[in-house]
Amino acid sequence: MLELPKPPWYRRVGMLYLAVAVVVTVVLVAATLAFGSRGEQAAGQATVTSAAPATTEGNVPDPTATETIPPSRTSARTQLGVLWEKSGSDVHHGRQFEAPGRWRLVWSFDCRSFASHGGGNFKITGEGDLNGVSVQEFAVKRSGSRPVVGGGRGRLVVESVCDRWTVRALAA
């Protein structure tokens, strides 16, 4: 019987690293799906159209976005016109909210850890009545705003590799 030669040590170690990386990735994805946003998983089905193109300023902070947004569901926040807001990193499936016929989506993100790659990916999509909402940016740091025409009940999903992002849905 013909016996194959043993691969060099660096190939064996490389395969071991690859196997460990795959296992760690699967565990992290499973943990994110299991524990990521347990309190905000309820979603309804329903359709909105994004009207005007985004106004985006590179590396200019958004005056309406703050670094820290305390989680609050008071009526005072609703009176100020904030329909939904979230700051974070990674993927987030937002809670459902009711949007009027005209509203505005405001976002900012910071992907400095991906500067050597030219920036990081930042994406917002809508579900339910908000399924026409779509924003996708690739940069190191950016903020922007987009008016949305069409209302209803739905939620926003933020997908990003960035270290920090903030998204707000504001009544027009």
N, C-alpha and C. Protein backbone atom coordinates (compact mmCIF):
# COMPACT_ATOMS: atom_id res chain seq x y z
N MET A 1 0.84 -1.17 0.00
CA MET A 1 0.00 0.00 0.00
C MET A 1 0.89 1.24 0.00
N LEU A 2 0.48 2.24 -0.76
CA LEU A 2 1.24 3.49 -0.88
C LEU A 2 0.87 4.43 0.26
N GLU A 3 1.87 4.93 0.96
CA GLU A 3 1.62 5.85 2.08
C GLU A 3 2.00 7.26 1.66
N LEU A 4 1.07 8.21 1.87
CA LEU A 4 1.31 9.60 1.51
C LEU A 4 2.27 10.24 2.50
N PRO A 5 3.09 11.17 2.02
CA PRO A 5 4.01 11.84 2.95
C PRO A 5 3.24 12.75 3.92
N LYS A 6 3.79 12.91 5.09
CA LYS A 6 3.19 13.77 6.12
C LYS A 6 3.36 15.23 5.69
N PRO A 7 2.26 16.05 5.75
CA PRO A 7 2.41 17.46 5.37
C PRO A 7 3.36 18.19 6.32
N PRO A 8 3.96 19.28 5.83
CA PRO A 8 4.88 20.03 6.70
C PRO A 8 4.14 20.60 7.92
N TRP A 9 4.89 20.92 8.98
CA TRP A 9 4.31 21.37 10.24
C TRP A 9 3.46 22.62 10.07
N TYR A 10 3.89 23.54 9.22
CA TYR A 10 3.15 24.79 9.08
C TYR A 10 1.78 24.57 8.44
N ARG A 11 1.65 23.57 7.60
CA ARG A 11 0.33 23.26 7.04
C ARG A 11 -0.58 22.63 8.08
N ARG A 12 -0.02 21.79 8.93
CA ARG A 12 -0.82 21.17 9.98
C ARG A 12 -1.29 22.22 10.97
N VAL A 13 -0.43 23.14 11.36
CA VAL A 13 -0.79 24.21 12.30
C VAL A 13 -1.79 25.16 11.66
N GLY A 14 -1.58 25.46 10.38
CA GLY A 14 -2.51 26.32 9.68
C GLY A 14 -3.92 25.73 9.63
N MET A 15 -4.00 24.45 9.39
CA MET A 15 -5.31 23.78 9.37
C MET A 15 -5.93 23.79 10.76
N LEU A 16 -5.12 23.64 11.79
CA LEU A 16 -5.63 23.69 13.16
C LEU A 16 -6.19 25.08 13.45
N TYR A 17 -5.46 26.13 13.08
CA TYR A 17 -5.95 27.50 13.27
C TYR A 17 -7.25 27.74 12.51
N LEU A 18 -7.33 27.23 11.30
CA LEU A 18 -8.54 27.38 10.51
C LEU A 18 -9.73 26.69 11.19
N ALA A 19 -9.51 25.49 11.69
CA ALA A 19 -10.59 24.75 12.37
C ALA A 19 -11.05 25.49 13.62
N VAL A 20 -10.11 26.02 14.40
CA VAL A 20 -10.46 26.77 15.61
C VAL A 20 -11.22 28.05 15.23
N ALA A 21 -10.79 28.75 14.19
CA ALA A 21 -11.46 29.97 13.76
C ALA A 21 -12.90 29.68 13.34
N VAL A 22 -13.13 28.58 12.64
CA VAL A 22 -14.48 28.22 12.21
C VAL A 22 -15.35 27.93 13.42
N VAL A 23 -14.83 27.18 14.39
CA VAL A 23 -15.61 26.84 15.58
C VAL A 23 -15.94 28.11 16.37
N VAL A 24 -14.97 29.00 16.57
CA VAL A 24 -15.20 30.24 17.31
C VAL A 24 -16.24 31.10 16.59
N THR A 25 -16.15 31.19 15.28
CA THR A 25 -17.12 31.98 14.51
C THR A 25 -18.53 31.43 14.66
N VAL A 26 -18.67 30.12 14.58
CA VAL A 26 -19.99 29.50 14.73
C VAL A 26 -20.54 29.76 16.11
N VAL A 27 -19.71 29.65 17.15
CA VAL A 27 -20.16 29.90 18.52
C VAL A 27 -20.57 31.35 18.69
N LEU A 28 -19.79 32.30 18.16
CA LEU A 28 -20.13 33.72 18.29
C LEU A 28 -21.42 34.06 17.55
N VAL A 29 -21.61 33.51 16.37
CA VAL A 29 -22.84 33.77 15.62
C VAL A 29 -24.04 33.19 16.36
N ALA A 30 -23.90 31.98 16.89
CA ALA A 30 -24.99 31.36 17.64
C ALA A 30 -25.31 32.16 18.90
N ALA A 31 -24.28 32.65 19.60
CA ALA A 31 -24.51 33.46 20.80
C ALA A 31 -25.18 34.78 20.46
N THR A 32 -24.76 35.40 19.36
CA THR A 32 -25.37 36.65 18.95
C THR A 32 -26.84 36.45 18.60
N LEU A 33 -27.14 35.39 17.89
CA LEU A 33 -28.53 35.12 17.54
C LEU A 33 -29.36 34.77 18.77
N ALA A 34 -28.76 34.04 19.71
CA ALA A 34 -29.51 33.61 20.89
C ALA A 34 -29.70 34.73 21.90
N PHE A 35 -28.69 35.57 22.10
CA PHE A 35 -28.74 36.57 23.15
C PHE A 35 -28.75 38.00 22.66
N GLY A 36 -28.56 38.24 21.37
CA GLY A 36 -28.37 39.58 20.81
C GLY A 36 -29.40 40.60 21.19
N SER A 37 -30.63 40.38 20.89
CA SER A 37 -31.65 41.38 21.18
C SER A 37 -32.95 40.67 21.56
N ARG A 38 -32.87 39.88 22.61
CA ARG A 38 -34.01 39.07 23.04
C ARG A 38 -35.24 39.91 23.33
N GLY A 39 -35.08 41.08 23.93
CA GLY A 39 -36.22 41.89 24.33
C GLY A 39 -36.94 42.57 23.19
N GLU A 40 -36.36 42.56 22.00
CA GLU A 40 -36.95 43.32 20.91
C GLU A 40 -37.16 42.46 19.67
N GLN A 41 -37.49 41.19 19.82
CA GLN A 41 -37.58 40.29 18.69
C GLN A 41 -38.95 40.28 18.01
N ALA A 42 -40.00 40.80 18.63
CA ALA A 42 -41.33 40.73 18.01
C ALA A 42 -41.37 41.60 16.77
N ALA A 43 -41.85 41.02 15.67
CA ALA A 43 -41.91 41.80 14.43
C ALA A 43 -43.20 41.50 13.70
N GLY A 44 -43.80 42.51 13.15
CA GLY A 44 -44.99 42.35 12.35
C GLY A 44 -44.63 42.44 10.88
N GLN A 45 -45.57 42.13 10.04
CA GLN A 45 -45.34 42.22 8.61
C GLN A 45 -46.12 43.38 8.04
N ALA A 46 -45.57 44.15 7.27
CA ALA A 46 -46.27 45.17 6.59
C ALA A 46 -45.36 45.98 5.70
N THR A 47 -45.27 48.43 4.51
CA THR A 47 -44.42 48.78 3.36
C THR A 47 -44.26 50.28 3.27
N VAL A 48 -43.06 50.77 3.11
CA VAL A 48 -42.73 52.18 3.08
C VAL A 48 -41.77 52.45 1.94
N THR A 49 -41.78 53.62 1.43
CA THR A 49 -40.87 53.95 0.35
C THR A 49 -39.91 55.02 0.81
N SER A 50 -38.64 54.81 0.55
CA SER A 50 -37.64 55.82 0.86
C SER A 50 -37.67 56.85 -0.26
N ALA A 51 -37.87 58.11 0.10
CA ALA A 51 -38.13 59.13 -0.91
C ALA A 51 -36.87 59.73 -1.49
N ALA A 52 -36.19 60.57 -0.76
CA ALA A 52 -35.08 61.34 -1.31
C ALA A 52 -33.76 60.65 -1.03
N PRO A 53 -32.72 60.96 -1.80
CA PRO A 53 -31.42 60.37 -1.53
C PRO A 53 -30.86 60.90 -0.22
N ALA A 54 -29.94 60.13 0.32
CA ALA A 54 -29.35 60.50 1.61
C ALA A 54 -28.47 61.72 1.45
N THR A 55 -28.45 62.54 2.48
CA THR A 55 -27.48 63.61 2.54
C THR A 55 -26.43 63.14 3.51
N THR A 56 -25.21 62.98 3.03
CA THR A 56 -24.16 62.40 3.84
C THR A 56 -22.95 63.31 3.81
N GLU A 57 -22.43 63.55 4.94
CA GLU A 57 -21.22 64.35 5.05
C GLU A 57 -20.14 63.46 5.61
N GLY A 58 -19.04 63.30 4.91
CA GLY A 58 -17.94 62.47 5.39
C GLY A 58 -17.24 63.11 6.57
N ASN A 59 -17.03 62.35 7.60
CA ASN A 59 -16.28 62.75 8.80
C ASN A 59 -16.83 63.97 9.50
N VAL A 60 -18.08 64.32 9.27
CA VAL A 60 -18.70 65.45 9.96
C VAL A 60 -19.72 64.87 10.94
N PRO A 61 -19.56 65.13 12.24
CA PRO A 61 -20.51 64.56 13.17
C PRO A 61 -21.91 65.11 12.97
N ASP A 62 -22.89 64.27 13.16
CA ASP A 62 -24.29 64.65 13.02
C ASP A 62 -24.70 65.42 14.26
N PRO A 63 -25.19 66.65 14.11
CA PRO A 63 -25.55 67.44 15.28
C PRO A 63 -26.72 66.85 16.06
N THR A 64 -27.53 66.01 15.42
CA THR A 64 -28.65 65.42 16.15
C THR A 64 -28.27 64.12 16.84
N ALA A 65 -27.09 63.57 16.53
CA ALA A 65 -26.66 62.32 17.17
C ALA A 65 -25.73 62.64 18.33
N THR A 66 -25.91 61.96 19.44
CA THR A 66 -25.03 62.14 20.58
C THR A 66 -24.26 60.87 20.82
N GLU A 67 -23.16 60.96 21.55
CA GLU A 67 -22.34 59.80 21.82
C GLU A 67 -23.06 58.79 22.70
N THR A 68 -23.77 59.28 23.71
CA THR A 68 -24.49 58.37 24.59
C THR A 68 -25.96 58.73 24.58
N ILE A 69 -26.77 57.75 24.32
CA ILE A 69 -28.21 57.95 24.31
C ILE A 69 -28.79 57.05 25.37
N PRO A 70 -29.24 57.60 26.50
CA PRO A 70 -29.78 56.75 27.55
C PRO A 70 -31.08 56.09 27.10
N PRO A 71 -31.23 54.78 27.37
CA PRO A 71 -32.47 54.13 26.97
C PRO A 71 -33.63 54.63 27.82
N SER A 72 -34.63 55.20 27.17
CA SER A 72 -35.76 55.74 27.88
C SER A 72 -36.99 55.61 27.01
N ARG A 73 -38.10 55.26 27.61
CA ARG A 73 -39.34 55.16 26.85
C ARG A 73 -40.39 56.06 27.47
N THR A 74 -40.01 57.26 27.77
CA THR A 74 -40.93 58.19 28.39
C THR A 74 -41.73 58.93 27.35
N SER A 75 -42.84 59.48 27.76
CA SER A 75 -43.66 60.25 26.83
C SER A 75 -42.96 61.54 26.42
N ALA A 76 -42.05 62.05 27.26
CA ALA A 76 -41.31 63.26 26.90
C ALA A 76 -40.48 63.02 25.65
N ARG A 77 -39.89 61.85 25.52
CA ARG A 77 -39.09 61.54 24.35
C ARG A 77 -39.98 61.47 23.12
N THR A 78 -41.17 60.91 23.24
CA THR A 78 -42.10 60.85 22.12
C THR A 78 -42.52 62.26 21.72
N GLN A 79 -42.71 63.14 22.69
CA GLN A 79 -43.10 64.50 22.38
C GLN A 79 -42.01 65.23 21.61
N LEU A 80 -40.76 64.86 21.82
CA LEU A 80 -39.66 65.49 21.10
C LEU A 80 -39.55 64.99 19.67
N GLY A 81 -40.38 64.02 19.30
CA GLY A 81 -40.38 63.53 17.93
C GLY A 81 -39.50 62.32 17.69
N VAL A 82 -38.93 61.73 18.72
CA VAL A 82 -38.10 60.54 18.55
C VAL A 82 -39.02 59.32 18.53
N LEU A 83 -39.09 58.66 17.39
CA LEU A 83 -39.93 57.48 17.24
C LEU A 83 -39.21 56.23 17.72
N TRP A 84 -37.89 56.17 17.45
CA TRP A 84 -37.07 55.03 17.83
C TRP A 84 -35.62 55.46 17.78
N GLU A 85 -34.80 54.94 18.68
CA GLU A 85 -33.38 55.24 18.64
C GLU A 85 -32.60 54.10 19.26
N LYS A 86 -31.38 53.93 18.79
CA LYS A 86 -30.52 52.88 19.32
C LYS A 86 -29.08 53.22 19.00
N SER A 87 -28.19 52.98 19.96
CA SER A 87 -26.75 53.07 19.75
C SER A 87 -26.18 51.70 20.04
N GLY A 88 -25.14 51.35 19.34
CA GLY A 88 -24.53 50.06 19.62
C GLY A 88 -23.42 49.75 18.66
N SER A 89 -23.14 48.46 18.53
CA SER A 89 -22.19 47.92 17.58
C SER A 89 -22.74 46.57 17.15
N ASP A 90 -22.25 46.04 16.05
CA ASP A 90 -22.70 44.74 15.57
C ASP A 90 -24.12 44.81 15.02
N VAL A 91 -24.87 43.73 15.08
CA VAL A 91 -26.21 43.63 14.50
C VAL A 91 -27.26 43.89 15.58
N HIS A 92 -28.32 44.62 15.20
CA HIS A 92 -29.42 44.87 16.13
C HIS A 92 -30.74 44.83 15.39
N HIS A 93 -31.67 44.02 15.89
CA HIS A 93 -33.04 43.97 15.37
C HIS A 93 -33.89 44.80 16.31
N GLY A 94 -34.30 45.98 15.88
CA GLY A 94 -35.00 46.92 16.74
C GLY A 94 -36.42 46.49 17.08
N ARG A 95 -36.96 47.15 18.10
CA ARG A 95 -38.34 46.91 18.49
C ARG A 95 -39.26 47.59 17.47
N GLN A 96 -40.48 47.15 17.41
CA GLN A 96 -41.44 47.75 16.49
C GLN A 96 -41.82 49.15 16.97
N PHE A 97 -42.10 50.01 16.02
CA PHE A 97 -42.62 51.34 16.33
C PHE A 97 -43.56 51.77 15.22
N GLU A 98 -44.36 52.76 15.54
CA GLU A 98 -45.34 53.30 14.58
C GLU A 98 -44.75 54.56 13.96
N ALA A 99 -44.67 54.60 12.64
CA ALA A 99 -44.13 55.76 11.93
C ALA A 99 -45.27 56.52 11.25
N PRO A 100 -45.22 57.86 11.30
CA PRO A 100 -46.24 58.66 10.60
C PRO A 100 -45.98 58.62 9.09
N GLY A 101 -46.79 59.31 8.33
CA GLY A 101 -46.66 59.33 6.87
C GLY A 101 -45.35 59.95 6.38
N ARG A 102 -44.79 60.87 7.14
CA ARG A 102 -43.51 61.50 6.79
C ARG A 102 -42.63 61.49 8.03
N TRP A 103 -41.42 60.95 7.90
CA TRP A 103 -40.49 60.91 9.02
C TRP A 103 -39.07 60.92 8.46
N ARG A 104 -38.11 60.92 9.36
CA ARG A 104 -36.71 61.09 8.96
C ARG A 104 -35.85 60.05 9.66
N LEU A 105 -34.90 59.50 8.94
CA LEU A 105 -33.93 58.54 9.48
C LEU A 105 -32.59 59.24 9.58
N VAL A 106 -31.99 59.25 10.77
CA VAL A 106 -30.72 59.92 11.01
C VAL A 106 -29.74 58.89 11.57
N TRP A 107 -28.52 58.86 11.05
CA TRP A 107 -27.54 57.87 11.51
C TRP A 107 -26.14 58.46 11.55
N SER A 108 -25.29 57.80 12.33
CA SER A 108 -23.86 58.09 12.35
C SER A 108 -23.15 56.81 12.75
N PHE A 109 -21.91 56.66 12.29
CA PHE A 109 -21.14 55.48 12.66
C PHE A 109 -19.66 55.79 12.67
N ASP A 110 -18.92 54.98 13.42
CA ASP A 110 -17.48 55.13 13.57
C ASP A 110 -16.84 53.76 13.40
N CYS A 111 -16.10 53.59 12.31
CA CYS A 111 -15.44 52.31 12.01
C CYS A 111 -13.93 52.51 11.96
N ARG A 112 -13.38 53.24 12.92
CA ARG A 112 -11.94 53.51 12.90
C ARG A 112 -11.09 52.26 12.92
N SER A 113 -11.59 51.19 13.55
CA SER A 113 -10.79 49.96 13.61
C SER A 113 -10.65 49.32 12.22
N PHE A 114 -11.44 49.77 11.25
CA PHE A 114 -11.34 49.26 9.88
C PHE A 114 -10.72 50.29 8.94
N ALA A 115 -10.06 51.29 9.48
CA ALA A 115 -9.45 52.34 8.65
C ALA A 115 -8.40 51.76 7.71
N SER A 116 -7.65 50.76 8.14
CA SER A 116 -6.63 50.17 7.28
C SER A 116 -7.24 49.43 6.10
N HIS A 117 -8.53 49.13 6.15
CA HIS A 117 -9.24 48.46 5.06
C HIS A 117 -10.09 49.45 4.25
N GLY A 118 -9.96 50.72 4.54
CA GLY A 118 -10.73 51.74 3.83
C GLY A 118 -12.06 52.06 4.47
N GLY A 119 -12.38 51.42 5.58
CA GLY A 119 -13.64 51.68 6.28
C GLY A 119 -14.37 50.38 6.59
N GLY A 120 -15.55 50.54 7.15
CA GLY A 120 -16.37 49.40 7.51
C GLY A 120 -17.76 49.54 6.91
N ASN A 121 -18.50 48.44 6.90
CA ASN A 121 -19.83 48.41 6.32
C ASN A 121 -20.88 48.76 7.37
N PHE A 122 -21.85 49.58 6.98
CA PHE A 122 -22.94 50.00 7.85
C PHE A 122 -24.23 49.92 7.04
N LYS A 123 -25.22 49.20 7.55
CA LYS A 123 -26.44 48.98 6.78
C LYS A 123 -27.66 49.06 7.69
N ILE A 124 -28.70 49.76 7.21
CA ILE A 124 -30.00 49.83 7.89
C ILE A 124 -31.04 49.33 6.90
N THR A 125 -31.89 48.41 7.33
CA THR A 125 -33.01 47.97 6.52
C THR A 125 -34.27 48.00 7.37
N GLY A 126 -35.40 48.13 6.71
CA GLY A 126 -36.67 48.14 7.41
C GLY A 126 -37.41 46.82 7.24
N GLU A 127 -38.24 46.51 8.22
CA GLU A 127 -39.09 45.33 8.15
C GLU A 127 -40.52 45.76 8.45
N GLY A 128 -41.47 44.94 8.07
CA GLY A 128 -42.87 45.28 8.28
C GLY A 128 -43.26 46.37 7.30
N ASP A 129 -44.03 47.36 7.77
CA ASP A 129 -44.43 48.47 6.91
C ASP A 129 -43.23 49.32 6.47
N LEU A 130 -42.10 49.13 7.11
CA LEU A 130 -40.90 49.92 6.82
C LEU A 130 -39.93 49.19 5.89
N ASN A 131 -40.39 48.15 5.19
CA ASN A 131 -39.48 47.34 4.40
C ASN A 131 -38.87 48.07 3.20
N GLY A 132 -39.33 49.25 2.86
CA GLY A 132 -38.72 50.03 1.79
C GLY A 132 -37.53 50.86 2.24
N VAL A 133 -37.27 50.90 3.54
CA VAL A 133 -36.15 51.69 4.07
C VAL A 133 -34.86 50.92 3.84
N SER A 134 -33.87 51.59 3.27
CA SER A 134 -32.59 50.94 3.01
C SER A 134 -31.48 51.98 2.96
N VAL A 135 -30.47 51.78 3.80
CA VAL A 135 -29.28 52.63 3.81
C VAL A 135 -28.08 51.71 3.86
N GLN A 136 -27.09 51.95 3.01
CA GLN A 136 -25.85 51.19 3.09
C GLN A 136 -24.70 52.13 2.82
N GLU A 137 -23.76 52.15 3.76
CA GLU A 137 -22.59 53.03 3.67
C GLU A 137 -21.34 52.22 3.93
N PHE A 138 -20.24 52.66 3.34
CA PHE A 138 -18.93 52.06 3.59
C PHE A 138 -17.96 53.21 3.79
N ALA A 139 -17.47 53.38 5.02
CA ALA A 139 -16.55 54.48 5.32
C ALA A 139 -15.91 54.23 6.67
N VAL A 140 -14.95 55.09 7.02
CA VAL A 140 -14.33 55.03 8.34
C VAL A 140 -15.24 55.68 9.37
N LYS A 141 -15.80 56.84 9.02
CA LYS A 141 -16.70 57.57 9.91
C LYS A 141 -17.62 58.41 9.06
N ARG A 142 -18.91 58.37 9.36
CA ARG A 142 -19.85 59.12 8.55
C ARG A 142 -21.15 59.32 9.32
N SER A 143 -21.90 60.33 8.90
CA SER A 143 -23.24 60.55 9.42
C SER A 143 -24.11 61.00 8.25
N GLY A 144 -25.41 60.83 8.41
CA GLY A 144 -26.30 61.21 7.34
C GLY A 144 -27.75 61.23 7.78
N SER A 145 -28.61 61.64 6.86
CA SER A 145 -30.03 61.76 7.14
C SER A 145 -30.79 61.46 5.86
N ARG A 146 -31.96 60.84 5.99
CA ARG A 146 -32.78 60.53 4.83
C ARG A 146 -34.25 60.71 5.19
N PRO A 147 -34.97 61.55 4.44
CA PRO A 147 -36.42 61.64 4.67
C PRO A 147 -37.11 60.38 4.15
N VAL A 148 -38.16 59.95 4.84
CA VAL A 148 -38.90 58.75 4.45
C VAL A 148 -40.36 59.14 4.30
N VAL A 149 -40.97 58.72 3.20
CA VAL A 149 -42.37 58.97 2.95
C VAL A 149 -43.10 57.64 3.04
N GLY A 150 -44.13 57.59 3.84
CA GLY A 150 -44.90 56.36 4.05
C GLY A 150 -44.79 55.96 5.51
N GLY A 151 -45.88 55.61 6.09
CA GLY A 151 -45.85 55.25 7.50
C GLY A 151 -46.31 53.83 7.72
N GLY A 152 -46.48 53.52 8.99
CA GLY A 152 -46.95 52.20 9.36
C GLY A 152 -46.17 51.66 10.54
N ARG A 153 -46.37 50.38 10.78
CA ARG A 153 -45.73 49.73 11.92
C ARG A 153 -44.65 48.78 11.41
N GLY A 154 -43.48 48.88 11.98
CA GLY A 154 -42.38 48.02 11.58
C GLY A 154 -41.20 48.22 12.49
N ARG A 155 -40.07 47.70 12.05
CA ARG A 155 -38.84 47.86 12.83
C ARG A 155 -37.67 48.04 11.89
N LEU A 156 -36.58 48.55 12.46
CA LEU A 156 -35.34 48.76 11.72
C LEU A 156 -34.32 47.73 12.16
N VAL A 157 -33.54 47.25 11.20
CA VAL A 157 -32.47 46.30 11.48
C VAL A 157 -31.17 46.99 11.10
N VAL A 158 -30.22 47.03 12.04
CA VAL A 158 -28.92 47.65 11.80
C VAL A 158 -27.89 46.53 11.75
N GLU A 159 -27.13 46.48 10.65
CA GLU A 159 -26.07 45.49 10.50
C GLU A 159 -24.78 46.26 10.26
N SER A 160 -23.79 46.04 11.14
CA SER A 160 -22.57 46.81 11.02
C SER A 160 -21.41 46.10 11.69
N VAL A 161 -20.22 46.32 11.15
CA VAL A 161 -18.99 45.84 11.78
C VAL A 161 -18.34 46.97 12.57
N CYS A 162 -18.96 48.12 12.60
CA CYS A 162 -18.38 49.31 13.22
C CYS A 162 -18.32 49.19 14.74
N ASP A 163 -17.37 49.95 15.32
CA ASP A 163 -17.20 49.97 16.77
C ASP A 163 -18.39 50.64 17.45
N ARG A 164 -18.98 51.63 16.78
CA ARG A 164 -20.05 52.41 17.38
C ARG A 164 -20.94 52.97 16.30
N TRP A 165 -22.25 52.87 16.49
CA TRP A 165 -23.20 53.50 15.59
C TRP A 165 -24.39 53.99 16.39
N THR A 166 -25.09 54.97 15.79
CA THR A 166 -26.32 55.50 16.38
C THR A 166 -27.33 55.69 15.25
N VAL A 167 -28.55 55.25 15.48
CA VAL A 167 -29.63 55.40 14.50
C VAL A 167 -30.84 55.96 15.22
N ARG A 168 -31.50 56.95 14.59
CA ARG A 168 -32.71 57.54 15.13
C ARG A 168 -33.76 57.64 14.04
N ALA A 169 -34.98 57.35 14.41
CA ALA A 169 -36.14 57.61 13.55
C ALA A 169 -36.87 58.79 14.19
N LEU A 170 -37.00 59.89 13.44
CA LEU A 170 -37.57 61.11 13.97
C LEU A 170 -38.82 61.51 13.19
N ALA A 171 -39.82 61.97 13.90
CA ALA A 171 -41.02 62.49 13.24
C ALA A 171 -40.63 63.75 12.47
N ALA A 172 -41.17 63.91 11.26
CA ALA A 172 -40.82 65.06 10.43
C ALA A 172 -41.45 66.34 10.93
